[in-house]
Amino acid sequence: MPGGARDAVILVGVEPQLKWRTFASEIVGIARELDVGLVLTLGALLADVPHTRPVRVTGTAANPELVARLGLERSRYEGPTGIVGVLHDACNKASVASASLWAAVPHYVAATPSPKATLALVERAADLLSTSLVATDLEIASAAYERQVSEVVASDEDVSAYVGRLEESADEDEELLEGTDLPSGETLVAELEKFLREQHRGD
């Protein structure tokens, strides 16, 4: 990678419908064979976010040391999963460091690929890997995407009003984050768990 002393091995593919464990073990095997330092998955999730604001990218990892080093959050998710969860579980069992980055994309344009989200993921991944990338094509595509979606939204009063409310909410959240020294996600989870334990003892 430019400006770095490491290479990147990129896997692009469709989530398998069968043999998830085999798929994950193949990737872990390749990671070990190539002495991979970090398996990093990138993805997007639908959310109540406006297309006109910066893309929120969240990152998670199971290893506390990796969480601290990369400035991520520790994953505490325990619900249904897809191949990403299976892959990270396989990496964890094989002692291969892994992390995941997710970009929030507007649910009202779910069927349209988002170069804006892709750009945000690429920039965050480059930051995590301590490298710099020239992403001019993505920057141009991102601006075109935002402009085109804005034109479609403006043509429908109801959608336009809805996006306006999302923008207000996003701006309020941003002001709250800037004006407040909020505790980390891990601290909040720990406090919630403590509260629930105390409630259980009380019952």
N, C-alpha and C. Protein backbone atom coordinates (compact mmCIF):
# COMPACT_ATOMS: atom_id res chain seq x y z
N MET A 1 0.85 -1.19 0.00
CA MET A 1 0.00 0.00 0.00
C MET A 1 0.88 1.24 0.00
N PRO A 2 0.39 2.32 -0.65
CA PRO A 2 1.19 3.55 -0.73
C PRO A 2 1.55 4.07 0.65
N GLY A 3 2.81 4.43 0.83
CA GLY A 3 3.26 5.03 2.08
C GLY A 3 3.36 4.07 3.24
N GLY A 4 3.24 2.79 2.99
CA GLY A 4 3.30 1.83 4.08
C GLY A 4 4.23 0.68 3.76
N ALA A 5 4.56 -0.09 4.76
CA ALA A 5 5.48 -1.22 4.57
C ALA A 5 4.72 -2.54 4.51
N ARG A 6 3.42 -2.47 4.25
CA ARG A 6 2.63 -3.69 4.22
C ARG A 6 1.81 -3.78 2.94
N ASP A 7 1.36 -4.98 2.64
CA ASP A 7 0.49 -5.21 1.50
C ASP A 7 -0.94 -5.39 1.99
N ALA A 8 -1.89 -5.24 1.08
CA ALA A 8 -3.29 -5.51 1.40
C ALA A 8 -3.79 -6.60 0.46
N VAL A 9 -4.42 -7.59 1.03
CA VAL A 9 -5.06 -8.65 0.25
C VAL A 9 -6.56 -8.37 0.31
N ILE A 10 -7.17 -8.14 -0.85
CA ILE A 10 -8.57 -7.73 -0.88
C ILE A 10 -9.44 -8.87 -1.41
N LEU A 11 -10.47 -9.20 -0.64
CA LEU A 11 -11.44 -10.22 -1.04
C LEU A 11 -12.78 -9.54 -1.29
N VAL A 12 -13.28 -9.68 -2.51
CA VAL A 12 -14.59 -9.13 -2.86
C VAL A 12 -15.47 -10.30 -3.28
N GLY A 13 -16.64 -10.42 -2.69
CA GLY A 13 -17.49 -11.54 -3.07
C GLY A 13 -18.89 -11.42 -2.51
N VAL A 14 -19.72 -12.32 -2.95
CA VAL A 14 -21.11 -12.38 -2.49
C VAL A 14 -21.18 -13.31 -1.28
N GLU A 15 -21.99 -12.93 -0.30
CA GLU A 15 -22.14 -13.77 0.89
C GLU A 15 -22.63 -15.16 0.49
N PRO A 16 -21.93 -16.21 0.93
CA PRO A 16 -22.34 -17.56 0.55
C PRO A 16 -23.65 -17.96 1.23
N GLN A 17 -24.42 -18.79 0.55
CA GLN A 17 -25.68 -19.28 1.13
C GLN A 17 -25.50 -20.62 1.82
N LEU A 18 -24.42 -21.32 1.51
CA LEU A 18 -24.16 -22.63 2.08
C LEU A 18 -22.73 -22.71 2.60
N LYS A 19 -22.48 -23.63 3.51
CA LYS A 19 -21.14 -23.94 4.00
C LYS A 19 -20.38 -22.71 4.51
N TRP A 20 -21.03 -21.96 5.39
CA TRP A 20 -20.41 -20.77 5.96
C TRP A 20 -19.12 -21.10 6.70
N ARG A 21 -19.15 -22.18 7.50
CA ARG A 21 -17.96 -22.54 8.28
C ARG A 21 -16.79 -22.87 7.36
N THR A 22 -17.07 -23.59 6.28
CA THR A 22 -16.01 -23.92 5.32
C THR A 22 -15.45 -22.66 4.68
N PHE A 23 -16.35 -21.76 4.30
CA PHE A 23 -15.96 -20.48 3.70
C PHE A 23 -15.04 -19.70 4.65
N ALA A 24 -15.48 -19.60 5.92
CA ALA A 24 -14.71 -18.86 6.91
C ALA A 24 -13.36 -19.52 7.18
N SER A 25 -13.34 -20.86 7.27
CA SER A 25 -12.08 -21.55 7.55
C SER A 25 -11.10 -21.40 6.39
N GLU A 26 -11.61 -21.32 5.16
CA GLU A 26 -10.74 -21.09 4.00
C GLU A 26 -10.07 -19.72 4.11
N ILE A 27 -10.84 -18.71 4.48
CA ILE A 27 -10.30 -17.35 4.61
C ILE A 27 -9.27 -17.30 5.75
N VAL A 28 -9.61 -17.92 6.87
CA VAL A 28 -8.67 -17.95 8.00
C VAL A 28 -7.39 -18.68 7.60
N GLY A 29 -7.53 -19.77 6.84
CA GLY A 29 -6.35 -20.51 6.38
C GLY A 29 -5.45 -19.66 5.50
N ILE A 30 -6.05 -18.90 4.59
CA ILE A 30 -5.28 -18.01 3.72
C ILE A 30 -4.61 -16.91 4.55
N ALA A 31 -5.36 -16.38 5.53
CA ALA A 31 -4.81 -15.33 6.40
C ALA A 31 -3.57 -15.83 7.14
N ARG A 32 -3.63 -17.07 7.63
CA ARG A 32 -2.47 -17.64 8.32
C ARG A 32 -1.32 -17.89 7.35
N GLU A 33 -1.65 -18.41 6.18
CA GLU A 33 -0.63 -18.72 5.18
C GLU A 33 0.13 -17.47 4.75
N LEU A 34 -0.58 -16.35 4.64
CA LEU A 34 0.04 -15.10 4.21
C LEU A 34 0.51 -14.24 5.37
N ASP A 35 0.41 -14.77 6.60
CA ASP A 35 0.84 -14.05 7.80
C ASP A 35 0.13 -12.69 7.90
N VAL A 36 -1.18 -12.72 7.73
CA VAL A 36 -2.00 -11.50 7.78
C VAL A 36 -2.02 -10.95 9.19
N GLY A 37 -1.80 -9.63 9.32
CA GLY A 37 -1.79 -9.00 10.64
C GLY A 37 -3.18 -8.61 11.12
N LEU A 38 -4.10 -8.36 10.18
CA LEU A 38 -5.45 -7.94 10.55
C LEU A 38 -6.42 -8.29 9.44
N VAL A 39 -7.49 -8.99 9.80
CA VAL A 39 -8.60 -9.22 8.87
C VAL A 39 -9.61 -8.12 9.14
N LEU A 40 -9.90 -7.32 8.13
CA LEU A 40 -10.79 -6.17 8.27
C LEU A 40 -11.96 -6.32 7.31
N THR A 41 -13.17 -6.43 7.85
CA THR A 41 -14.35 -6.52 6.98
C THR A 41 -15.01 -5.16 6.86
N LEU A 42 -15.54 -4.88 5.69
CA LEU A 42 -16.21 -3.61 5.41
C LEU A 42 -17.64 -3.89 4.97
N GLY A 43 -18.57 -3.11 5.48
CA GLY A 43 -19.96 -3.32 5.10
C GLY A 43 -20.79 -2.08 5.33
N ALA A 44 -22.06 -2.17 4.93
CA ALA A 44 -22.99 -1.06 5.11
C ALA A 44 -24.27 -1.57 5.75
N LEU A 45 -24.94 -0.69 6.47
CA LEU A 45 -26.21 -1.03 7.08
C LEU A 45 -27.20 0.09 6.84
N LEU A 46 -28.47 -0.27 6.67
CA LEU A 46 -29.52 0.72 6.44
C LEU A 46 -29.86 1.40 7.75
N ALA A 47 -30.01 2.72 7.71
CA ALA A 47 -30.28 3.47 8.94
C ALA A 47 -31.10 4.71 8.62
N ASP A 48 -31.64 5.31 9.69
CA ASP A 48 -32.39 6.57 9.55
C ASP A 48 -31.41 7.73 9.51
N VAL A 49 -30.70 7.85 8.40
CA VAL A 49 -29.71 8.91 8.23
C VAL A 49 -29.98 9.62 6.90
N PRO A 50 -29.69 10.93 6.84
CA PRO A 50 -29.88 11.66 5.58
C PRO A 50 -28.68 11.51 4.66
N HIS A 51 -28.92 11.53 3.36
CA HIS A 51 -27.83 11.38 2.39
C HIS A 51 -26.96 12.63 2.29
N THR A 52 -27.42 13.74 2.89
CA THR A 52 -26.72 15.02 2.76
C THR A 52 -25.68 15.27 3.85
N ARG A 53 -25.59 14.38 4.81
CA ARG A 53 -24.65 14.57 5.91
C ARG A 53 -23.49 13.58 5.79
N PRO A 54 -22.37 13.85 6.48
CA PRO A 54 -21.24 12.90 6.43
C PRO A 54 -21.68 11.51 6.86
N VAL A 55 -21.10 10.50 6.24
CA VAL A 55 -21.46 9.11 6.54
C VAL A 55 -20.86 8.71 7.87
N ARG A 56 -21.70 8.14 8.74
CA ARG A 56 -21.22 7.63 10.03
C ARG A 56 -20.63 6.24 9.81
N VAL A 57 -19.38 6.07 10.25
CA VAL A 57 -18.73 4.76 10.16
C VAL A 57 -18.43 4.29 11.57
N THR A 58 -18.93 3.11 11.91
CA THR A 58 -18.66 2.54 13.23
C THR A 58 -17.75 1.33 13.06
N GLY A 59 -16.95 1.08 14.06
CA GLY A 59 -16.03 -0.05 13.99
C GLY A 59 -16.12 -0.89 15.24
N THR A 60 -16.03 -2.20 15.08
CA THR A 60 -16.08 -3.09 16.22
C THR A 60 -15.00 -4.17 16.11
N ALA A 61 -14.64 -4.71 17.25
CA ALA A 61 -13.71 -5.83 17.32
C ALA A 61 -13.96 -6.55 18.63
N ALA A 62 -13.62 -7.83 18.69
CA ALA A 62 -13.84 -8.60 19.91
C ALA A 62 -12.65 -8.53 20.86
N ASN A 63 -11.45 -8.34 20.31
CA ASN A 63 -10.24 -8.33 21.13
C ASN A 63 -10.06 -6.97 21.82
N PRO A 64 -10.06 -6.92 23.16
CA PRO A 64 -9.95 -5.64 23.87
C PRO A 64 -8.69 -4.84 23.51
N GLU A 65 -7.58 -5.54 23.31
CA GLU A 65 -6.32 -4.87 22.95
C GLU A 65 -6.44 -4.20 21.59
N LEU A 66 -7.06 -4.90 20.63
CA LEU A 66 -7.26 -4.36 19.29
C LEU A 66 -8.24 -3.19 19.32
N VAL A 67 -9.26 -3.31 20.15
CA VAL A 67 -10.24 -2.23 20.30
C VAL A 67 -9.55 -0.95 20.74
N ALA A 68 -8.69 -1.06 21.75
CA ALA A 68 -7.98 0.10 22.28
C ALA A 68 -6.99 0.66 21.25
N ARG A 69 -6.26 -0.23 20.57
CA ARG A 69 -5.24 0.22 19.62
C ARG A 69 -5.84 0.93 18.41
N LEU A 70 -6.99 0.45 17.94
CA LEU A 70 -7.59 1.02 16.73
C LEU A 70 -8.68 2.05 17.04
N GLY A 71 -8.97 2.25 18.32
CA GLY A 71 -10.00 3.22 18.68
C GLY A 71 -11.40 2.79 18.24
N LEU A 72 -11.70 1.51 18.41
CA LEU A 72 -12.99 0.97 18.00
C LEU A 72 -13.86 0.72 19.23
N GLU A 73 -14.92 -0.04 19.06
CA GLU A 73 -15.76 -0.46 20.17
C GLU A 73 -15.67 -1.97 20.28
N ARG A 74 -15.83 -2.48 21.49
CA ARG A 74 -15.84 -3.93 21.66
C ARG A 74 -17.22 -4.45 21.28
N SER A 75 -17.25 -5.46 20.43
CA SER A 75 -18.52 -6.01 19.98
C SER A 75 -19.16 -6.84 21.08
N ARG A 76 -20.43 -6.55 21.38
CA ARG A 76 -21.17 -7.31 22.38
C ARG A 76 -22.45 -7.88 21.78
N TYR A 77 -22.54 -7.87 20.46
CA TYR A 77 -23.73 -8.35 19.78
C TYR A 77 -23.90 -9.85 19.98
N GLU A 78 -25.13 -10.29 20.30
CA GLU A 78 -25.38 -11.70 20.56
C GLU A 78 -26.59 -12.22 19.79
N GLY A 79 -27.03 -11.52 18.76
CA GLY A 79 -28.22 -11.94 18.01
C GLY A 79 -27.87 -12.74 16.77
N PRO A 80 -28.84 -12.84 15.85
CA PRO A 80 -28.60 -13.54 14.58
C PRO A 80 -27.45 -12.90 13.82
N THR A 81 -26.77 -13.68 13.02
CA THR A 81 -25.62 -13.13 12.30
C THR A 81 -25.58 -13.62 10.86
N GLY A 82 -24.68 -13.05 10.11
CA GLY A 82 -24.43 -13.48 8.73
C GLY A 82 -22.99 -13.95 8.63
N ILE A 83 -22.46 -13.97 7.43
CA ILE A 83 -21.11 -14.49 7.22
C ILE A 83 -20.07 -13.65 7.95
N VAL A 84 -20.32 -12.35 8.12
CA VAL A 84 -19.34 -11.50 8.81
C VAL A 84 -19.15 -11.97 10.25
N GLY A 85 -20.25 -12.25 10.94
CA GLY A 85 -20.15 -12.74 12.30
C GLY A 85 -19.46 -14.09 12.38
N VAL A 86 -19.78 -14.98 11.44
CA VAL A 86 -19.16 -16.30 11.40
C VAL A 86 -17.66 -16.17 11.15
N LEU A 87 -17.28 -15.29 10.22
CA LEU A 87 -15.87 -15.08 9.90
C LEU A 87 -15.10 -14.53 11.09
N HIS A 88 -15.65 -13.55 11.77
CA HIS A 88 -14.95 -12.97 12.92
C HIS A 88 -14.84 -13.96 14.07
N ASP A 89 -15.86 -14.79 14.24
CA ASP A 89 -15.79 -15.84 15.26
C ASP A 89 -14.68 -16.83 14.92
N ALA A 90 -14.57 -17.20 13.64
CA ALA A 90 -13.51 -18.13 13.21
C ALA A 90 -12.14 -17.49 13.41
N CYS A 91 -12.02 -16.21 13.10
CA CYS A 91 -10.74 -15.50 13.30
C CYS A 91 -10.36 -15.48 14.78
N ASN A 92 -11.35 -15.19 15.63
CA ASN A 92 -11.11 -15.12 17.06
C ASN A 92 -10.64 -16.47 17.60
N LYS A 93 -11.29 -17.56 17.17
CA LYS A 93 -10.90 -18.91 17.63
C LYS A 93 -9.51 -19.30 17.13
N ALA A 94 -9.12 -18.74 15.97
CA ALA A 94 -7.81 -19.07 15.40
C ALA A 94 -6.73 -18.06 15.81
N SER A 95 -7.09 -17.14 16.73
CA SER A 95 -6.16 -16.10 17.19
C SER A 95 -5.65 -15.23 16.05
N VAL A 96 -6.52 -14.95 15.09
CA VAL A 96 -6.20 -14.02 14.00
C VAL A 96 -6.95 -12.73 14.29
N ALA A 97 -6.22 -11.62 14.42
CA ALA A 97 -6.84 -10.33 14.74
C ALA A 97 -7.83 -9.94 13.65
N SER A 98 -9.02 -9.46 14.07
CA SER A 98 -10.02 -9.05 13.09
C SER A 98 -10.84 -7.89 13.63
N ALA A 99 -11.32 -7.07 12.71
CA ALA A 99 -12.17 -5.93 13.06
C ALA A 99 -13.16 -5.72 11.93
N SER A 100 -14.19 -4.93 12.21
CA SER A 100 -15.24 -4.71 11.23
C SER A 100 -15.61 -3.23 11.19
N LEU A 101 -15.77 -2.69 9.99
CA LEU A 101 -16.21 -1.31 9.80
C LEU A 101 -17.55 -1.31 9.08
N TRP A 102 -18.48 -0.49 9.56
CA TRP A 102 -19.82 -0.41 8.98
C TRP A 102 -20.18 1.04 8.69
N ALA A 103 -20.68 1.28 7.48
CA ALA A 103 -21.13 2.62 7.10
C ALA A 103 -22.65 2.65 7.13
N ALA A 104 -23.22 3.70 7.71
CA ALA A 104 -24.67 3.86 7.75
C ALA A 104 -25.14 4.53 6.46
N VAL A 105 -26.07 3.89 5.76
CA VAL A 105 -26.59 4.45 4.50
C VAL A 105 -28.09 4.70 4.64
N PRO A 106 -28.61 5.71 3.95
CA PRO A 106 -30.04 6.05 4.06
C PRO A 106 -30.93 4.90 3.59
N HIS A 107 -31.89 4.53 4.42
CA HIS A 107 -32.77 3.42 4.06
C HIS A 107 -33.69 3.76 2.89
N TYR A 108 -33.91 5.08 2.65
CA TYR A 108 -34.84 5.46 1.57
C TYR A 108 -34.20 5.40 0.18
N VAL A 109 -32.91 5.10 0.12
CA VAL A 109 -32.26 4.82 -1.18
C VAL A 109 -31.50 3.49 -1.07
N ALA A 110 -32.17 2.51 -0.46
CA ALA A 110 -31.52 1.22 -0.18
C ALA A 110 -31.09 0.49 -1.44
N ALA A 111 -31.83 0.68 -2.53
CA ALA A 111 -31.54 -0.09 -3.75
C ALA A 111 -30.40 0.52 -4.57
N THR A 112 -29.94 1.70 -4.19
CA THR A 112 -28.91 2.40 -4.96
C THR A 112 -27.55 2.26 -4.29
N PRO A 113 -26.54 1.76 -5.00
CA PRO A 113 -25.19 1.70 -4.42
C PRO A 113 -24.73 3.09 -4.00
N SER A 114 -24.05 3.18 -2.87
CA SER A 114 -23.63 4.48 -2.34
C SER A 114 -22.12 4.66 -2.39
N PRO A 115 -21.63 5.38 -3.41
CA PRO A 115 -20.19 5.67 -3.45
C PRO A 115 -19.77 6.55 -2.27
N LYS A 116 -20.71 7.28 -1.69
CA LYS A 116 -20.40 8.12 -0.54
C LYS A 116 -20.05 7.23 0.66
N ALA A 117 -20.81 6.14 0.85
CA ALA A 117 -20.51 5.20 1.93
C ALA A 117 -19.21 4.47 1.65
N THR A 118 -19.00 4.10 0.39
CA THR A 118 -17.76 3.41 0.01
C THR A 118 -16.55 4.29 0.31
N LEU A 119 -16.65 5.57 -0.05
CA LEU A 119 -15.55 6.51 0.21
C LEU A 119 -15.27 6.61 1.70
N ALA A 120 -16.32 6.70 2.52
CA ALA A 120 -16.14 6.81 3.97
C ALA A 120 -15.45 5.57 4.52
N LEU A 121 -15.82 4.39 4.02
CA LEU A 121 -15.20 3.14 4.47
C LEU A 121 -13.74 3.07 4.05
N VAL A 122 -13.46 3.46 2.80
CA VAL A 122 -12.09 3.44 2.29
C VAL A 122 -11.20 4.37 3.12
N GLU A 123 -11.71 5.57 3.40
CA GLU A 123 -10.92 6.54 4.18
C GLU A 123 -10.67 6.04 5.60
N ARG A 124 -11.69 5.44 6.22
CA ARG A 124 -11.53 4.94 7.60
C ARG A 124 -10.57 3.74 7.62
N ALA A 125 -10.70 2.87 6.61
CA ALA A 125 -9.80 1.71 6.54
C ALA A 125 -8.36 2.17 6.33
N ALA A 126 -8.16 3.15 5.46
CA ALA A 126 -6.82 3.66 5.20
C ALA A 126 -6.23 4.27 6.48
N ASP A 127 -7.08 4.93 7.25
CA ASP A 127 -6.64 5.52 8.52
C ASP A 127 -6.22 4.42 9.50
N LEU A 128 -7.03 3.37 9.59
CA LEU A 128 -6.70 2.25 10.49
C LEU A 128 -5.40 1.58 10.09
N LEU A 129 -5.16 1.50 8.78
CA LEU A 129 -3.97 0.82 8.28
C LEU A 129 -2.78 1.75 8.11
N SER A 130 -2.94 2.99 8.57
CA SER A 130 -1.86 4.00 8.53
C SER A 130 -1.29 4.17 7.12
N THR A 131 -2.18 4.31 6.15
CA THR A 131 -1.75 4.55 4.78
C THR A 131 -2.60 5.66 4.19
N SER A 132 -2.15 6.21 3.09
CA SER A 132 -2.93 7.25 2.41
C SER A 132 -3.29 6.75 1.01
N LEU A 133 -4.49 7.05 0.59
CA LEU A 133 -4.96 6.62 -0.72
C LEU A 133 -5.53 7.80 -1.49
N VAL A 134 -5.33 7.81 -2.79
CA VAL A 134 -5.95 8.81 -3.65
C VAL A 134 -7.27 8.22 -4.12
N ALA A 135 -8.37 8.88 -3.75
CA ALA A 135 -9.69 8.34 -4.07
C ALA A 135 -10.50 9.35 -4.89
N THR A 136 -9.85 9.97 -5.86
CA THR A 136 -10.49 11.02 -6.65
C THR A 136 -11.76 10.53 -7.34
N ASP A 137 -11.70 9.34 -7.95
CA ASP A 137 -12.87 8.80 -8.65
C ASP A 137 -14.05 8.61 -7.69
N LEU A 138 -13.75 8.11 -6.48
CA LEU A 138 -14.81 7.93 -5.49
C LEU A 138 -15.36 9.26 -5.00
N GLU A 139 -14.49 10.25 -4.87
CA GLU A 139 -14.93 11.58 -4.44
C GLU A 139 -15.88 12.19 -5.46
N ILE A 140 -15.55 12.03 -6.75
CA ILE A 140 -16.42 12.54 -7.82
C ILE A 140 -17.75 11.79 -7.83
N ALA A 141 -17.67 10.47 -7.72
CA ALA A 141 -18.89 9.65 -7.71
C ALA A 141 -19.76 9.96 -6.50
N SER A 142 -19.12 10.24 -5.37
CA SER A 142 -19.83 10.56 -4.14
C SER A 142 -20.62 11.86 -4.29
N ALA A 143 -19.97 12.87 -4.87
CA ALA A 143 -20.64 14.16 -5.09
C ALA A 143 -21.81 14.01 -6.07
N ALA A 144 -21.61 13.22 -7.11
CA ALA A 144 -22.67 12.99 -8.10
C ALA A 144 -23.85 12.25 -7.45
N TYR A 145 -23.54 11.27 -6.62
CA TYR A 145 -24.57 10.50 -5.91
C TYR A 145 -25.43 11.42 -5.06
N GLU A 146 -24.77 12.27 -4.25
CA GLU A 146 -25.52 13.16 -3.37
C GLU A 146 -26.39 14.12 -4.18
N ARG A 147 -25.84 14.63 -5.29
CA ARG A 147 -26.60 15.56 -6.13
C ARG A 147 -27.82 14.88 -6.75
N GLN A 148 -27.63 13.67 -7.27
CA GLN A 148 -28.73 12.95 -7.93
C GLN A 148 -29.82 12.56 -6.94
N VAL A 149 -29.42 12.08 -5.76
CA VAL A 149 -30.42 11.72 -4.75
C VAL A 149 -31.18 12.96 -4.30
N SER A 150 -30.49 14.07 -4.15
CA SER A 150 -31.14 15.32 -3.74
C SER A 150 -32.19 15.76 -4.77
N GLU A 151 -31.88 15.58 -6.05
CA GLU A 151 -32.83 15.94 -7.11
C GLU A 151 -34.09 15.07 -7.03
N VAL A 152 -33.91 13.77 -6.80
CA VAL A 152 -35.06 12.87 -6.68
C VAL A 152 -35.88 13.20 -5.44
N VAL A 153 -35.20 13.45 -4.33
CA VAL A 153 -35.89 13.77 -3.07
C VAL A 153 -36.69 15.06 -3.23
N ALA A 154 -36.11 16.07 -3.87
CA ALA A 154 -36.77 17.37 -4.03
C ALA A 154 -38.05 17.27 -4.87
N SER A 155 -38.16 16.24 -5.69
CA SER A 155 -39.34 16.10 -6.56
C SER A 155 -40.54 15.51 -5.83
N ASP A 156 -40.37 15.08 -4.60
CA ASP A 156 -41.47 14.49 -3.82
C ASP A 156 -41.56 15.22 -2.48
N GLU A 157 -42.67 15.92 -2.24
CA GLU A 157 -42.81 16.74 -1.04
C GLU A 157 -42.70 15.93 0.25
N ASP A 158 -43.36 14.77 0.26
CA ASP A 158 -43.35 13.95 1.47
C ASP A 158 -41.94 13.45 1.80
N VAL A 159 -41.25 12.96 0.79
CA VAL A 159 -39.89 12.46 1.00
C VAL A 159 -38.97 13.61 1.40
N SER A 160 -39.16 14.75 0.76
CA SER A 160 -38.34 15.93 1.07
C SER A 160 -38.52 16.35 2.53
N ALA A 161 -39.78 16.33 3.00
CA ALA A 161 -40.05 16.71 4.39
C ALA A 161 -39.43 15.69 5.35
N TYR A 162 -39.51 14.42 4.97
CA TYR A 162 -38.94 13.36 5.81
C TYR A 162 -37.42 13.51 5.92
N VAL A 163 -36.77 13.75 4.78
CA VAL A 163 -35.31 13.93 4.79
C VAL A 163 -34.94 15.17 5.61
N GLY A 164 -35.77 16.21 5.53
CA GLY A 164 -35.53 17.41 6.33
C GLY A 164 -35.53 17.10 7.82
N ARG A 165 -36.45 16.23 8.25
CA ARG A 165 -36.50 15.83 9.66
C ARG A 165 -35.26 15.02 10.04
N LEU A 166 -34.82 14.14 9.13
CA LEU A 166 -33.60 13.37 9.39
C LEU A 166 -32.40 14.29 9.52
N GLU A 167 -32.34 15.34 8.68
CA GLU A 167 -31.23 16.29 8.74
C GLU A 167 -31.22 17.03 10.07
N GLU A 168 -32.40 17.45 10.53
CA GLU A 168 -32.50 18.14 11.82
C GLU A 168 -32.02 17.24 12.95
N SER A 169 -32.45 15.99 12.91
CA SER A 169 -32.06 15.03 13.95
C SER A 169 -30.55 14.79 13.92
N ALA A 170 -29.99 14.65 12.70
CA ALA A 170 -28.55 14.43 12.57
C ALA A 170 -27.76 15.62 13.10
N ASP A 171 -28.24 16.82 12.80
CA ASP A 171 -27.56 18.03 13.26
C ASP A 171 -27.63 18.16 14.78
N GLU A 172 -28.77 17.79 15.37
CA GLU A 172 -28.91 17.84 16.83
C GLU A 172 -27.97 16.84 17.49
N ASP A 173 -27.87 15.65 16.90
CA ASP A 173 -26.96 14.63 17.43
C ASP A 173 -25.52 15.12 17.37
N GLU A 174 -25.17 15.77 16.27
CA GLU A 174 -23.80 16.28 16.10
C GLU A 174 -23.49 17.35 17.13
N GLU A 175 -24.45 18.25 17.37
CA GLU A 175 -24.26 19.31 18.36
C GLU A 175 -24.10 18.71 19.76
N LEU A 176 -24.88 17.68 20.05
CA LEU A 176 -24.79 17.01 21.35
C LEU A 176 -23.42 16.39 21.54
N LEU A 177 -22.91 15.74 20.49
CA LEU A 177 -21.60 15.10 20.58
C LEU A 177 -20.48 16.12 20.74
N GLU A 178 -20.62 17.26 20.06
CA GLU A 178 -19.58 18.31 20.14
C GLU A 178 -19.60 19.01 21.48
N GLY A 179 -20.78 19.17 22.06
CA GLY A 179 -20.88 19.97 23.28
C GLY A 179 -20.82 19.18 24.56
N THR A 180 -20.70 17.87 24.47
CA THR A 180 -20.75 17.05 25.67
C THR A 180 -19.59 16.06 25.69
N ASP A 181 -19.03 15.88 26.86
CA ASP A 181 -17.99 14.86 27.03
C ASP A 181 -18.69 13.55 27.37
N LEU A 182 -19.10 12.82 26.33
CA LEU A 182 -19.87 11.60 26.53
C LEU A 182 -18.98 10.43 26.92
N PRO A 183 -19.50 9.52 27.74
CA PRO A 183 -18.73 8.32 28.06
C PRO A 183 -18.66 7.41 26.84
N SER A 184 -17.70 6.50 26.83
CA SER A 184 -17.55 5.58 25.71
C SER A 184 -18.72 4.60 25.68
N GLY A 185 -18.90 3.97 24.52
CA GLY A 185 -19.95 2.97 24.38
C GLY A 185 -19.77 1.83 25.36
N GLU A 186 -18.52 1.45 25.60
CA GLU A 186 -18.23 0.35 26.51
C GLU A 186 -18.62 0.72 27.94
N THR A 187 -18.37 1.98 28.32
CA THR A 187 -18.74 2.44 29.65
C THR A 187 -20.26 2.42 29.84
N LEU A 188 -20.98 2.87 28.80
CA LEU A 188 -22.44 2.87 28.86
C LEU A 188 -22.99 1.45 29.00
N VAL A 189 -22.44 0.52 28.22
CA VAL A 189 -22.88 -0.87 28.29
C VAL A 189 -22.62 -1.44 29.68
N ALA A 190 -21.43 -1.16 30.23
CA ALA A 190 -21.09 -1.66 31.56
C ALA A 190 -22.06 -1.12 32.61
N GLU A 191 -22.40 0.17 32.50
CA GLU A 191 -23.35 0.77 33.44
C GLU A 191 -24.72 0.13 33.32
N LEU A 192 -25.16 -0.13 32.06
CA LEU A 192 -26.45 -0.75 31.84
C LEU A 192 -26.49 -2.17 32.41
N GLU A 193 -25.41 -2.92 32.19
CA GLU A 193 -25.34 -4.28 32.73
C GLU A 193 -25.39 -4.27 34.26
N LYS A 194 -24.69 -3.30 34.86
CA LYS A 194 -24.70 -3.18 36.32
C LYS A 194 -26.11 -2.88 36.82
N PHE A 195 -26.79 -1.96 36.12
CA PHE A 195 -28.16 -1.60 36.49
C PHE A 195 -29.09 -2.82 36.41
N LEU A 196 -28.97 -3.59 35.32
CA LEU A 196 -29.84 -4.76 35.15
C LEU A 196 -29.56 -5.83 36.21
N ARG A 197 -28.27 -6.01 36.58
CA ARG A 197 -27.93 -6.98 37.64
C ARG A 197 -28.56 -6.56 38.96
N GLU A 198 -28.51 -5.25 39.25
CA GLU A 198 -29.09 -4.76 40.50
C GLU A 198 -30.60 -4.92 40.52
N GLN A 199 -31.22 -4.69 39.36
CA GLN A 199 -32.68 -4.87 39.26
C GLN A 199 -33.05 -6.33 39.48
N HIS A 200 -32.23 -7.23 38.92
CA HIS A 200 -32.49 -8.66 39.05
C HIS A 200 -32.39 -9.08 40.52
N ARG A 201 -31.36 -8.58 41.22
CA ARG A 201 -31.20 -8.91 42.64
C ARG A 201 -32.37 -8.38 43.46
N GLY A 202 -32.88 -7.21 43.05
CA GLY A 202 -34.00 -6.61 43.76
C GLY A 202 -35.27 -7.43 43.64
N ASP A 203 -35.41 -8.14 42.51
CA ASP A 203 -36.61 -8.96 42.29
C ASP A 203 -36.49 -10.28 43.05
